[in-house]
Amino acid sequence: MAVKSKARVVIARLMSTAGTGYMYTTRRLRVMERLSMMKYDPIVKRHVLFKEVKGKK
């Protein structure tokens, strides 16, 4: 059997650290480290830190 190649780009799910459960999805290169960025959380109505969580397989 042939070996399946891995995609160069993966979908990253960013979860709010405010604990609201709000998420953003974005793309990143597979070789990059995990994402974390300040984005707007509409539930708490302010910018909070969003960290990448493990995606589904």
N, C-alpha and C. Protein backbone atom coordinates (compact mmCIF):
# COMPACT_ATOMS: atom_id res chain seq x y z
N MET A 1 0.83 -1.19 0.00
CA MET A 1 0.00 0.00 0.00
C MET A 1 0.87 1.24 0.00
N ALA A 2 0.39 2.26 -0.65
CA ALA A 2 1.10 3.53 -0.68
C ALA A 2 0.88 4.29 0.63
N VAL A 3 1.87 5.07 1.04
CA VAL A 3 1.77 5.86 2.25
C VAL A 3 0.96 7.12 1.95
N LYS A 4 0.00 7.42 2.80
CA LYS A 4 -0.83 8.61 2.62
C LYS A 4 -0.04 9.85 3.04
N SER A 5 -0.01 10.86 2.18
CA SER A 5 0.72 12.08 2.52
C SER A 5 -0.13 12.95 3.44
N LYS A 6 0.53 13.72 4.29
CA LYS A 6 -0.18 14.61 5.21
C LYS A 6 -0.35 15.97 4.55
N ALA A 7 -1.43 16.63 4.88
CA ALA A 7 -1.71 17.95 4.32
C ALA A 7 -0.72 18.97 4.86
N ARG A 8 -0.41 19.96 4.06
CA ARG A 8 0.52 21.01 4.45
C ARG A 8 -0.15 22.00 5.40
N VAL A 9 -1.45 22.19 5.23
CA VAL A 9 -2.21 23.14 6.04
C VAL A 9 -3.23 22.37 6.87
N VAL A 10 -3.38 22.76 8.14
CA VAL A 10 -4.36 22.13 9.02
C VAL A 10 -5.32 23.20 9.54
N ILE A 11 -6.51 22.76 9.97
CA ILE A 11 -7.49 23.66 10.55
C ILE A 11 -7.26 23.72 12.05
N ALA A 12 -7.10 24.94 12.57
CA ALA A 12 -6.86 25.14 14.00
C ALA A 12 -8.11 25.71 14.64
N ARG A 13 -8.51 25.15 15.77
CA ARG A 13 -9.66 25.64 16.52
C ARG A 13 -9.13 26.44 17.71
N LEU A 14 -9.51 27.72 17.79
CA LEU A 14 -9.06 28.59 18.86
C LEU A 14 -10.18 28.72 19.89
N MET A 15 -9.91 28.35 21.14
CA MET A 15 -10.90 28.37 22.22
C MET A 15 -10.60 29.55 23.15
N SER A 16 -11.65 30.24 23.57
CA SER A 16 -11.52 31.39 24.47
C SER A 16 -11.03 30.94 25.84
N THR A 17 -10.07 31.69 26.40
CA THR A 17 -9.58 31.39 27.75
C THR A 17 -10.49 32.00 28.81
N ALA A 18 -11.52 32.76 28.39
CA ALA A 18 -12.47 33.34 29.35
C ALA A 18 -13.45 32.30 29.87
N GLY A 19 -13.44 31.10 29.27
CA GLY A 19 -14.31 30.03 29.74
C GLY A 19 -15.72 30.09 29.19
N THR A 20 -15.95 30.85 28.14
CA THR A 20 -17.29 30.99 27.58
C THR A 20 -17.62 29.88 26.60
N GLY A 21 -16.62 29.18 26.10
CA GLY A 21 -16.85 28.13 25.11
C GLY A 21 -16.87 28.64 23.68
N TYR A 22 -16.64 29.95 23.49
CA TYR A 22 -16.64 30.54 22.15
C TYR A 22 -15.37 30.13 21.41
N MET A 23 -15.53 29.82 20.11
CA MET A 23 -14.39 29.36 19.32
C MET A 23 -14.30 30.07 17.98
N TYR A 24 -13.08 30.20 17.50
CA TYR A 24 -12.79 30.62 16.14
C TYR A 24 -12.10 29.46 15.44
N THR A 25 -12.24 29.37 14.13
CA THR A 25 -11.46 28.41 13.36
C THR A 25 -10.63 29.17 12.35
N THR A 26 -9.41 28.69 12.13
CA THR A 26 -8.50 29.31 11.19
C THR A 26 -7.59 28.24 10.62
N ARG A 27 -6.75 28.61 9.67
CA ARG A 27 -5.81 27.66 9.09
C ARG A 27 -4.39 28.04 9.51
N ARG A 28 -3.55 27.03 9.65
CA ARG A 28 -2.13 27.28 9.91
C ARG A 28 -1.32 26.19 9.25
N LEU A 29 -0.05 26.45 9.03
CA LEU A 29 0.83 25.44 8.46
C LEU A 29 1.08 24.35 9.49
N ARG A 30 1.22 23.13 9.03
CA ARG A 30 1.43 22.00 9.94
C ARG A 30 2.72 22.14 10.74
N VAL A 31 3.76 22.73 10.16
CA VAL A 31 5.06 22.80 10.83
C VAL A 31 5.14 23.93 11.86
N MET A 32 4.15 24.83 11.88
CA MET A 32 4.16 25.93 12.85
C MET A 32 3.77 25.40 14.23
N GLU A 33 4.14 26.18 15.26
CA GLU A 33 3.72 25.80 16.62
C GLU A 33 2.26 26.20 16.82
N ARG A 34 1.67 25.79 17.93
CA ARG A 34 0.25 26.06 18.18
C ARG A 34 -0.01 27.55 18.30
N LEU A 35 -1.19 27.98 17.83
CA LEU A 35 -1.54 29.39 17.80
C LEU A 35 -2.11 29.86 19.13
N SER A 36 -1.85 31.12 19.44
CA SER A 36 -2.54 31.81 20.54
C SER A 36 -2.56 33.28 20.15
N MET A 37 -3.73 33.89 20.25
CA MET A 37 -3.86 35.29 19.84
C MET A 37 -5.02 35.95 20.57
N MET A 38 -4.95 37.28 20.63
CA MET A 38 -6.02 38.07 21.22
C MET A 38 -7.09 38.30 20.17
N LYS A 39 -8.32 37.89 20.48
CA LYS A 39 -9.44 38.10 19.57
C LYS A 39 -10.66 38.49 20.40
N TYR A 40 -11.69 38.94 19.71
CA TYR A 40 -12.91 39.42 20.38
C TYR A 40 -13.81 38.26 20.75
N ASP A 41 -14.24 38.23 22.00
CA ASP A 41 -15.21 37.24 22.48
C ASP A 41 -16.55 37.97 22.69
N PRO A 42 -17.54 37.74 21.82
CA PRO A 42 -18.80 38.48 21.93
C PRO A 42 -19.63 38.15 23.17
N ILE A 43 -19.36 37.05 23.83
CA ILE A 43 -20.14 36.68 25.01
C ILE A 43 -19.77 37.57 26.20
N VAL A 44 -18.46 37.83 26.37
CA VAL A 44 -18.02 38.72 27.45
C VAL A 44 -17.80 40.15 26.95
N LYS A 45 -17.95 40.37 25.65
CA LYS A 45 -17.84 41.68 25.01
C LYS A 45 -16.50 42.36 25.26
N ARG A 46 -15.42 41.59 25.07
CA ARG A 46 -14.07 42.16 25.19
C ARG A 46 -13.08 41.26 24.47
N HIS A 47 -11.88 41.76 24.26
CA HIS A 47 -10.82 40.97 23.66
C HIS A 47 -10.19 40.10 24.74
N VAL A 48 -10.05 38.82 24.45
CA VAL A 48 -9.43 37.88 25.38
C VAL A 48 -8.45 37.01 24.60
N LEU A 49 -7.65 36.26 25.32
CA LEU A 49 -6.69 35.35 24.70
C LEU A 49 -7.40 34.10 24.22
N PHE A 50 -7.15 33.71 22.99
CA PHE A 50 -7.65 32.48 22.43
C PHE A 50 -6.47 31.55 22.19
N LYS A 51 -6.57 30.29 22.62
CA LYS A 51 -5.51 29.32 22.45
C LYS A 51 -6.01 28.15 21.60
N GLU A 52 -5.11 27.58 20.84
CA GLU A 52 -5.48 26.44 19.99
C GLU A 52 -5.70 25.20 20.84
N VAL A 53 -6.79 24.51 20.56
CA VAL A 53 -7.09 23.27 21.25
C VAL A 53 -6.91 22.12 20.27
N LYS A 54 -6.78 20.93 20.79
CA LYS A 54 -6.57 19.76 19.96
C LYS A 54 -7.77 19.52 19.06
N GLY A 55 -7.52 19.29 17.79
CA GLY A 55 -8.60 19.07 16.85
C GLY A 55 -9.05 17.63 16.84
N LYS A 56 -10.17 17.36 16.18
CA LYS A 56 -10.68 15.99 16.06
C LYS A 56 -9.93 15.25 14.97
N LYS A 57 -9.84 13.95 15.12
CA LYS A 57 -9.16 13.13 14.11
C LYS A 57 -10.17 12.50 13.18
